[in-house]
Amino acid sequence: MSYNALAGGMLTGKYMEKPAAVDLNEREKVIEQMKNPRGRMDIYGWSTTLYRYRTEAAQEAIREYSKIAKRSGMSLTELALRWNRQRSLVTTTLVGHVNLKQLQESIDYFTKSKPLSDDIMWEIDRVHMKNRLPIFSSNLVGKDWDGEGEIGETIP
């Protein structure tokens, strides 16, 4: 099963221009964004548990996936869901929706779309190979961090 196929909403592209609320630097901006959440990443409880989708490495991969989608004439969401649909070992995909429009789009991508070309699949795989485990990828580590990483894990 493909779990969280849209990476907590990150693969919809809605957080590309303006970061998730918990990633904003000013308290006032965080509070304002949480009053009008775009999705899970703007809700304090959820967003803190889904950090792996917001690391710098994950953001870089999302930008690359978005470029592939644009060149291919589709949305980032469509690219992500069609990729899931096409994976041979994925028998079901867990997606989340906040409204019926999003649900209908997902159904359309899963039932009406032809498979992605081998070239597109290869482009996606190349981005993935550069960034397999974004939770363990961070540029915010160093000796000045007292042996701690960006999300607080001990660095051996």
N, C-alpha and C. Protein backbone atom coordinates (compact mmCIF):
# COMPACT_ATOMS: atom_id res chain seq x y z
N MET A 1 0.84 -1.18 0.00
CA MET A 1 0.00 0.00 0.00
C MET A 1 0.89 1.25 0.00
N SER A 2 0.56 2.16 -0.84
CA SER A 2 1.24 3.45 -0.85
C SER A 2 0.55 4.33 0.19
N TYR A 3 1.30 4.66 1.24
CA TYR A 3 0.78 5.45 2.34
C TYR A 3 1.10 6.93 2.11
N ASN A 4 0.10 7.77 2.30
CA ASN A 4 0.29 9.22 2.19
C ASN A 4 0.89 9.60 0.85
N ALA A 5 0.24 9.19 -0.21
CA ALA A 5 0.74 9.33 -1.57
C ALA A 5 1.02 10.78 -1.98
N LEU A 6 0.37 11.73 -1.34
CA LEU A 6 0.61 13.13 -1.68
C LEU A 6 1.46 13.83 -0.63
N ALA A 7 2.13 13.04 0.20
CA ALA A 7 3.08 13.56 1.19
C ALA A 7 2.47 14.67 2.04
N GLY A 8 1.34 14.38 2.63
CA GLY A 8 0.70 15.36 3.50
C GLY A 8 0.29 16.63 2.78
N GLY A 9 0.07 16.55 1.48
CA GLY A 9 -0.31 17.70 0.68
C GLY A 9 0.87 18.38 -0.01
N MET A 10 2.08 17.99 0.33
CA MET A 10 3.26 18.63 -0.27
C MET A 10 3.31 18.38 -1.78
N LEU A 11 2.84 17.20 -2.24
CA LEU A 11 2.88 16.90 -3.67
C LEU A 11 1.66 17.44 -4.42
N THR A 12 0.94 18.35 -3.80
CA THR A 12 -0.09 19.10 -4.52
C THR A 12 0.48 20.42 -5.02
N GLY A 13 1.63 20.80 -4.48
CA GLY A 13 2.27 22.05 -4.88
C GLY A 13 1.83 23.26 -4.09
N LYS A 14 0.84 23.11 -3.22
CA LYS A 14 0.30 24.27 -2.52
C LYS A 14 1.24 24.88 -1.48
N TYR A 15 2.30 24.18 -1.13
CA TYR A 15 3.25 24.73 -0.16
C TYR A 15 4.56 25.16 -0.82
N MET A 16 4.61 25.17 -2.13
CA MET A 16 5.87 25.51 -2.81
C MET A 16 6.20 27.00 -2.71
N GLU A 17 5.23 27.85 -2.88
CA GLU A 17 5.49 29.29 -2.86
C GLU A 17 5.54 29.84 -1.43
N LYS A 18 4.66 29.33 -0.61
CA LYS A 18 4.59 29.80 0.78
C LYS A 18 4.71 28.58 1.68
N PRO A 19 5.73 28.55 2.55
CA PRO A 19 5.97 27.36 3.38
C PRO A 19 4.80 27.03 4.31
N ALA A 20 4.87 25.84 4.87
CA ALA A 20 3.90 25.40 5.87
C ALA A 20 3.97 26.35 7.07
N ALA A 21 2.87 26.48 7.78
CA ALA A 21 2.79 27.43 8.89
C ALA A 21 3.91 27.24 9.90
N VAL A 22 4.19 26.01 10.30
CA VAL A 22 5.23 25.80 11.32
C VAL A 22 6.63 26.11 10.82
N ASP A 23 6.80 26.27 9.53
CA ASP A 23 8.12 26.61 8.97
C ASP A 23 8.30 28.10 8.76
N LEU A 24 7.28 28.89 9.04
CA LEU A 24 7.41 30.34 8.93
C LEU A 24 8.21 30.86 10.11
N ASN A 25 8.92 31.95 9.93
CA ASN A 25 9.82 32.46 10.96
C ASN A 25 9.18 33.38 11.98
N GLU A 26 8.07 33.99 11.63
CA GLU A 26 7.46 34.97 12.52
C GLU A 26 6.17 34.42 13.13
N ARG A 27 6.06 34.56 14.45
CA ARG A 27 4.92 34.02 15.19
C ARG A 27 3.59 34.52 14.62
N GLU A 28 3.52 35.80 14.30
CA GLU A 28 2.28 36.38 13.77
C GLU A 28 1.87 35.71 12.45
N LYS A 29 2.86 35.44 11.60
CA LYS A 29 2.57 34.79 10.32
C LYS A 29 2.11 33.35 10.53
N VAL A 30 2.69 32.68 11.51
CA VAL A 30 2.28 31.31 11.82
C VAL A 30 0.82 31.30 12.27
N ILE A 31 0.49 32.18 13.19
CA ILE A 31 -0.89 32.25 13.72
C ILE A 31 -1.86 32.58 12.60
N GLU A 32 -1.52 33.55 11.76
CA GLU A 32 -2.39 33.94 10.64
C GLU A 32 -2.61 32.77 9.68
N GLN A 33 -1.53 32.07 9.34
CA GLN A 33 -1.66 30.94 8.41
C GLN A 33 -2.50 29.82 9.00
N MET A 34 -2.38 29.60 10.30
CA MET A 34 -3.15 28.54 10.94
C MET A 34 -4.64 28.88 11.02
N LYS A 35 -4.96 30.16 10.93
CA LYS A 35 -6.38 30.56 10.90
C LYS A 35 -7.02 30.18 9.58
N ASN A 36 -6.24 30.14 8.51
CA ASN A 36 -6.71 29.79 7.17
C ASN A 36 -5.86 28.66 6.61
N PRO A 37 -5.92 27.48 7.19
CA PRO A 37 -5.02 26.40 6.73
C PRO A 37 -5.34 25.94 5.32
N ARG A 38 -4.27 25.68 4.56
CA ARG A 38 -4.42 25.13 3.21
C ARG A 38 -4.55 23.61 3.27
N GLY A 39 -4.15 23.03 4.37
CA GLY A 39 -4.17 21.59 4.53
C GLY A 39 -3.41 21.20 5.79
N ARG A 40 -3.03 19.94 5.88
CA ARG A 40 -2.38 19.39 7.08
C ARG A 40 -1.16 20.16 7.53
N MET A 41 -0.38 20.64 6.60
CA MET A 41 0.88 21.29 6.97
C MET A 41 0.68 22.65 7.64
N ASP A 42 -0.52 23.18 7.60
CA ASP A 42 -0.80 24.44 8.29
C ASP A 42 -1.55 24.21 9.60
N ILE A 43 -1.66 22.97 10.01
CA ILE A 43 -2.30 22.64 11.28
C ILE A 43 -1.20 22.14 12.21
N TYR A 44 -1.03 22.77 13.33
CA TYR A 44 0.14 22.55 14.16
C TYR A 44 0.39 21.07 14.50
N GLY A 45 -0.59 20.35 14.95
CA GLY A 45 -0.37 18.96 15.35
C GLY A 45 0.11 18.08 14.21
N TRP A 46 -0.59 18.14 13.07
CA TRP A 46 -0.24 17.31 11.93
C TRP A 46 1.11 17.69 11.36
N SER A 47 1.32 18.96 11.20
CA SER A 47 2.53 19.39 10.49
C SER A 47 3.80 19.01 11.23
N THR A 48 3.76 18.99 12.54
CA THR A 48 4.97 18.65 13.28
C THR A 48 5.30 17.17 13.16
N THR A 49 4.31 16.34 12.86
CA THR A 49 4.58 14.90 12.70
C THR A 49 4.99 14.55 11.28
N LEU A 50 4.82 15.46 10.35
CA LEU A 50 5.12 15.20 8.94
C LEU A 50 6.34 15.97 8.46
N TYR A 51 7.28 16.18 9.35
CA TYR A 51 8.46 16.96 9.01
C TYR A 51 9.23 16.37 7.83
N ARG A 52 9.20 15.07 7.70
CA ARG A 52 9.99 14.40 6.64
C ARG A 52 9.65 14.92 5.25
N TYR A 53 8.46 15.46 5.07
CA TYR A 53 8.07 15.98 3.76
C TYR A 53 8.48 17.43 3.56
N ARG A 54 9.02 18.06 4.62
CA ARG A 54 9.36 19.47 4.54
C ARG A 54 10.86 19.74 4.66
N THR A 55 11.68 18.70 4.75
CA THR A 55 13.12 18.92 4.84
C THR A 55 13.59 19.62 3.56
N GLU A 56 14.75 20.19 3.63
CA GLU A 56 15.29 20.86 2.44
C GLU A 56 15.43 19.88 1.27
N ALA A 57 15.88 18.66 1.59
CA ALA A 57 16.02 17.65 0.54
C ALA A 57 14.66 17.30 -0.07
N ALA A 58 13.64 17.18 0.75
CA ALA A 58 12.30 16.88 0.24
C ALA A 58 11.79 18.03 -0.63
N GLN A 59 12.02 19.25 -0.19
CA GLN A 59 11.59 20.42 -0.96
C GLN A 59 12.28 20.46 -2.32
N GLU A 60 13.56 20.13 -2.34
CA GLU A 60 14.29 20.10 -3.60
C GLU A 60 13.69 19.04 -4.54
N ALA A 61 13.40 17.87 -4.00
CA ALA A 61 12.79 16.81 -4.82
C ALA A 61 11.42 17.25 -5.33
N ILE A 62 10.63 17.88 -4.49
CA ILE A 62 9.30 18.33 -4.90
C ILE A 62 9.41 19.34 -6.04
N ARG A 63 10.37 20.24 -5.96
CA ARG A 63 10.57 21.21 -7.06
C ARG A 63 10.93 20.48 -8.36
N GLU A 64 11.77 19.45 -8.27
CA GLU A 64 12.13 18.68 -9.45
C GLU A 64 10.93 17.91 -10.01
N TYR A 65 10.15 17.29 -9.13
CA TYR A 65 8.95 16.58 -9.58
C TYR A 65 7.97 17.55 -10.24
N SER A 66 7.88 18.76 -9.70
CA SER A 66 6.99 19.76 -10.27
C SER A 66 7.43 20.15 -11.68
N LYS A 67 8.73 20.24 -11.91
CA LYS A 67 9.25 20.55 -13.25
C LYS A 67 8.90 19.42 -14.23
N ILE A 68 9.03 18.19 -13.78
CA ILE A 68 8.67 17.05 -14.63
C ILE A 68 7.20 17.11 -14.99
N ALA A 69 6.35 17.39 -13.99
CA ALA A 69 4.91 17.48 -14.23
C ALA A 69 4.60 18.58 -15.24
N LYS A 70 5.20 19.74 -15.05
CA LYS A 70 4.95 20.88 -15.94
C LYS A 70 5.36 20.55 -17.37
N ARG A 71 6.55 19.98 -17.54
CA ARG A 71 7.02 19.60 -18.88
C ARG A 71 6.09 18.56 -19.52
N SER A 72 5.44 17.78 -18.68
CA SER A 72 4.57 16.71 -19.17
C SER A 72 3.11 17.15 -19.31
N GLY A 73 2.84 18.41 -19.01
CA GLY A 73 1.50 18.95 -19.19
C GLY A 73 0.48 18.49 -18.16
N MET A 74 0.93 18.30 -16.93
CA MET A 74 -0.01 17.89 -15.89
C MET A 74 0.36 18.55 -14.57
N SER A 75 -0.53 18.44 -13.61
CA SER A 75 -0.25 18.99 -12.29
C SER A 75 0.67 18.05 -11.52
N LEU A 76 1.28 18.58 -10.49
CA LEU A 76 2.12 17.78 -9.62
C LEU A 76 1.30 16.67 -8.97
N THR A 77 0.09 16.98 -8.56
CA THR A 77 -0.81 15.98 -7.97
C THR A 77 -1.08 14.84 -8.94
N GLU A 78 -1.39 15.19 -10.17
CA GLU A 78 -1.66 14.16 -11.17
C GLU A 78 -0.42 13.28 -11.38
N LEU A 79 0.75 13.89 -11.48
CA LEU A 79 1.98 13.12 -11.66
C LEU A 79 2.16 12.14 -10.50
N ALA A 80 1.99 12.61 -9.28
CA ALA A 80 2.19 11.75 -8.10
C ALA A 80 1.21 10.59 -8.08
N LEU A 81 -0.05 10.87 -8.34
CA LEU A 81 -1.06 9.80 -8.27
C LEU A 81 -0.94 8.83 -9.43
N ARG A 82 -0.64 9.32 -10.61
CA ARG A 82 -0.45 8.41 -11.74
C ARG A 82 0.79 7.54 -11.54
N TRP A 83 1.83 8.10 -10.94
CA TRP A 83 3.02 7.31 -10.63
C TRP A 83 2.65 6.18 -9.66
N ASN A 84 1.88 6.50 -8.63
CA ASN A 84 1.45 5.48 -7.68
C ASN A 84 0.64 4.39 -8.35
N ARG A 85 -0.26 4.81 -9.20
CA ARG A 85 -1.13 3.86 -9.90
C ARG A 85 -0.33 2.89 -10.76
N GLN A 86 0.77 3.35 -11.27
CA GLN A 86 1.55 2.59 -12.24
C GLN A 86 2.59 1.67 -11.60
N ARG A 87 2.89 1.84 -10.34
CA ARG A 87 3.91 1.01 -9.69
C ARG A 87 3.39 -0.42 -9.55
N SER A 88 4.17 -1.38 -9.99
CA SER A 88 3.70 -2.77 -10.05
C SER A 88 3.44 -3.38 -8.67
N LEU A 89 4.16 -2.97 -7.66
CA LEU A 89 3.96 -3.56 -6.34
C LEU A 89 2.92 -2.84 -5.49
N VAL A 90 2.43 -1.69 -5.97
CA VAL A 90 1.41 -0.94 -5.23
C VAL A 90 0.03 -1.47 -5.63
N THR A 91 -0.67 -2.04 -4.67
CA THR A 91 -2.01 -2.57 -4.96
C THR A 91 -3.11 -1.63 -4.52
N THR A 92 -2.79 -0.70 -3.63
CA THR A 92 -3.76 0.30 -3.19
C THR A 92 -3.00 1.54 -2.75
N THR A 93 -3.65 2.68 -2.85
CA THR A 93 -3.01 3.94 -2.51
C THR A 93 -3.89 4.70 -1.53
N LEU A 94 -3.31 5.11 -0.43
CA LEU A 94 -4.01 5.88 0.58
C LEU A 94 -3.84 7.37 0.26
N VAL A 95 -4.95 8.02 -0.05
CA VAL A 95 -4.92 9.45 -0.32
C VAL A 95 -5.86 10.14 0.66
N GLY A 96 -5.62 11.39 0.91
CA GLY A 96 -6.47 12.16 1.81
C GLY A 96 -7.08 13.33 1.06
N HIS A 97 -8.31 13.63 1.37
CA HIS A 97 -9.01 14.72 0.70
C HIS A 97 -9.73 15.57 1.74
N VAL A 98 -9.81 16.86 1.47
CA VAL A 98 -10.58 17.73 2.36
C VAL A 98 -11.88 18.17 1.71
N ASN A 99 -12.08 17.82 0.44
CA ASN A 99 -13.36 18.16 -0.20
C ASN A 99 -13.62 17.20 -1.36
N LEU A 100 -14.85 17.25 -1.87
CA LEU A 100 -15.24 16.34 -2.94
C LEU A 100 -14.54 16.63 -4.26
N LYS A 101 -14.17 17.88 -4.50
CA LYS A 101 -13.44 18.21 -5.73
C LYS A 101 -12.10 17.47 -5.77
N GLN A 102 -11.37 17.46 -4.66
CA GLN A 102 -10.10 16.75 -4.61
C GLN A 102 -10.30 15.25 -4.81
N LEU A 103 -11.34 14.72 -4.20
CA LEU A 103 -11.64 13.29 -4.37
C LEU A 103 -11.92 12.97 -5.83
N GLN A 104 -12.72 13.80 -6.49
CA GLN A 104 -13.05 13.56 -7.89
C GLN A 104 -11.81 13.64 -8.78
N GLU A 105 -10.91 14.60 -8.50
CA GLU A 105 -9.66 14.68 -9.26
C GLU A 105 -8.85 13.40 -9.12
N SER A 106 -8.75 12.90 -7.90
CA SER A 106 -7.99 11.66 -7.67
C SER A 106 -8.61 10.49 -8.40
N ILE A 107 -9.92 10.39 -8.35
CA ILE A 107 -10.60 9.31 -9.07
C ILE A 107 -10.32 9.40 -10.56
N ASP A 108 -10.36 10.62 -11.10
CA ASP A 108 -10.06 10.82 -12.52
C ASP A 108 -8.64 10.37 -12.86
N TYR A 109 -7.68 10.74 -12.02
CA TYR A 109 -6.29 10.38 -12.29
C TYR A 109 -6.09 8.87 -12.23
N PHE A 110 -6.81 8.22 -11.32
CA PHE A 110 -6.64 6.78 -11.16
C PHE A 110 -7.39 5.97 -12.22
N THR A 111 -8.49 6.49 -12.74
CA THR A 111 -9.33 5.67 -13.62
C THR A 111 -9.30 6.06 -15.09
N LYS A 112 -9.00 7.30 -15.42
CA LYS A 112 -9.13 7.74 -16.81
C LYS A 112 -7.80 8.03 -17.50
N SER A 113 -6.74 8.08 -16.75
CA SER A 113 -5.47 8.49 -17.35
C SER A 113 -4.70 7.30 -17.89
N LYS A 114 -4.07 7.52 -19.02
CA LYS A 114 -3.20 6.48 -19.56
C LYS A 114 -1.91 6.45 -18.75
N PRO A 115 -1.16 5.39 -18.81
CA PRO A 115 0.09 5.29 -18.04
C PRO A 115 1.08 6.38 -18.43
N LEU A 116 1.92 6.75 -17.48
CA LEU A 116 3.01 7.68 -17.76
C LEU A 116 4.01 6.98 -18.68
N SER A 117 4.67 7.74 -19.52
CA SER A 117 5.65 7.15 -20.43
C SER A 117 6.86 6.63 -19.66
N ASP A 118 7.59 5.76 -20.28
CA ASP A 118 8.82 5.24 -19.67
C ASP A 118 9.80 6.36 -19.38
N ASP A 119 9.85 7.37 -20.26
CA ASP A 119 10.76 8.50 -20.05
C ASP A 119 10.39 9.29 -18.80
N ILE A 120 9.11 9.54 -18.60
CA ILE A 120 8.67 10.27 -17.41
C ILE A 120 8.95 9.44 -16.16
N MET A 121 8.65 8.16 -16.20
CA MET A 121 8.93 7.29 -15.06
C MET A 121 10.42 7.31 -14.72
N TRP A 122 11.28 7.31 -15.74
CA TRP A 122 12.71 7.34 -15.51
C TRP A 122 13.13 8.67 -14.88
N GLU A 123 12.56 9.79 -15.36
CA GLU A 123 12.88 11.09 -14.77
C GLU A 123 12.51 11.12 -13.29
N ILE A 124 11.34 10.59 -12.96
CA ILE A 124 10.90 10.53 -11.56
C ILE A 124 11.86 9.67 -10.75
N ASP A 125 12.21 8.51 -11.29
CA ASP A 125 13.14 7.61 -10.58
C ASP A 125 14.49 8.28 -10.34
N ARG A 126 14.96 9.06 -11.28
CA ARG A 126 16.25 9.73 -11.11
C ARG A 126 16.21 10.74 -9.97
N VAL A 127 15.11 11.48 -9.85
CA VAL A 127 14.97 12.42 -8.73
C VAL A 127 14.92 11.63 -7.43
N HIS A 128 14.16 10.56 -7.42
CA HIS A 128 14.03 9.74 -6.22
C HIS A 128 15.38 9.14 -5.79
N MET A 129 16.16 8.70 -6.75
CA MET A 129 17.45 8.10 -6.41
C MET A 129 18.39 9.09 -5.73
N LYS A 130 18.23 10.37 -6.05
CA LYS A 130 19.05 11.40 -5.40
C LYS A 130 18.56 11.70 -3.99
N ASN A 131 17.33 11.33 -3.66
CA ASN A 131 16.70 11.74 -2.41
C ASN A 131 15.79 10.64 -1.88
N ARG A 132 16.35 9.49 -1.56
CA ARG A 132 15.53 8.36 -1.14
C ARG A 132 14.92 8.53 0.24
N LEU A 133 15.63 9.10 1.18
CA LEU A 133 15.15 9.22 2.56
C LEU A 133 15.28 10.66 3.03
N PRO A 134 14.34 11.53 2.65
CA PRO A 134 14.48 12.95 2.98
C PRO A 134 14.49 13.25 4.47
N ILE A 135 13.92 12.37 5.29
CA ILE A 135 13.94 12.63 6.73
C ILE A 135 15.35 12.62 7.29
N PHE A 136 16.24 11.90 6.62
CA PHE A 136 17.62 11.83 7.08
C PHE A 136 18.52 12.80 6.33
N SER A 137 17.95 13.66 5.51
CA SER A 137 18.73 14.61 4.72
C SER A 137 18.52 16.01 5.26
N SER A 138 19.59 16.67 5.62
CA SER A 138 19.47 18.03 6.12
C SER A 138 20.77 18.78 5.93
N ASN A 139 20.66 20.03 5.59
CA ASN A 139 21.83 20.89 5.51
C ASN A 139 22.06 21.63 6.83
N LEU A 140 21.16 21.44 7.79
CA LEU A 140 21.24 22.16 9.06
C LEU A 140 21.84 21.29 10.16
N VAL A 141 23.01 20.78 9.91
CA VAL A 141 23.73 20.02 10.92
C VAL A 141 25.16 20.52 10.99
N GLY A 142 25.74 20.41 12.14
CA GLY A 142 27.13 20.83 12.30
C GLY A 142 27.57 20.66 13.73
N LYS A 143 28.84 20.81 13.99
CA LYS A 143 29.37 20.63 15.33
C LYS A 143 28.78 21.65 16.31
N ASP A 144 28.39 22.80 15.82
CA ASP A 144 27.82 23.82 16.68
C ASP A 144 26.40 23.47 17.15
N TRP A 145 25.87 22.34 16.68
CA TRP A 145 24.52 21.92 17.08
C TRP A 145 24.54 21.01 18.30
N ASP A 146 25.64 20.94 19.00
CA ASP A 146 25.76 20.12 20.20
C ASP A 146 25.35 18.67 19.96
N GLY A 147 25.77 18.12 18.81
CA GLY A 147 25.50 16.72 18.52
C GLY A 147 24.07 16.43 18.15
N GLU A 148 23.29 17.44 17.81
CA GLU A 148 21.89 17.25 17.45
C GLU A 148 21.68 17.60 15.98
N GLY A 149 20.74 16.91 15.36
CA GLY A 149 20.39 17.21 13.98
C GLY A 149 19.20 18.15 13.93
N GLU A 150 18.73 18.42 12.74
CA GLU A 150 17.64 19.37 12.52
C GLU A 150 16.37 18.98 13.27
N ILE A 151 16.07 17.69 13.34
CA ILE A 151 14.85 17.28 14.02
C ILE A 151 15.13 16.71 15.41
N GLY A 152 16.34 16.92 15.90
CA GLY A 152 16.66 16.54 17.26
C GLY A 152 17.27 15.16 17.43
N GLU A 153 17.49 14.45 16.34
CA GLU A 153 18.09 13.12 16.49
C GLU A 153 19.58 13.27 16.79
N THR A 154 20.08 12.34 17.58
CA THR A 154 21.49 12.38 17.93
C THR A 154 22.33 12.01 16.72
N ILE A 155 23.38 12.76 16.50
CA ILE A 155 24.31 12.45 15.42
C ILE A 155 25.48 11.69 16.04
N PRO A 156 25.72 10.46 15.59
CA PRO A 156 26.78 9.67 16.22
C PRO A 156 28.16 10.29 16.04
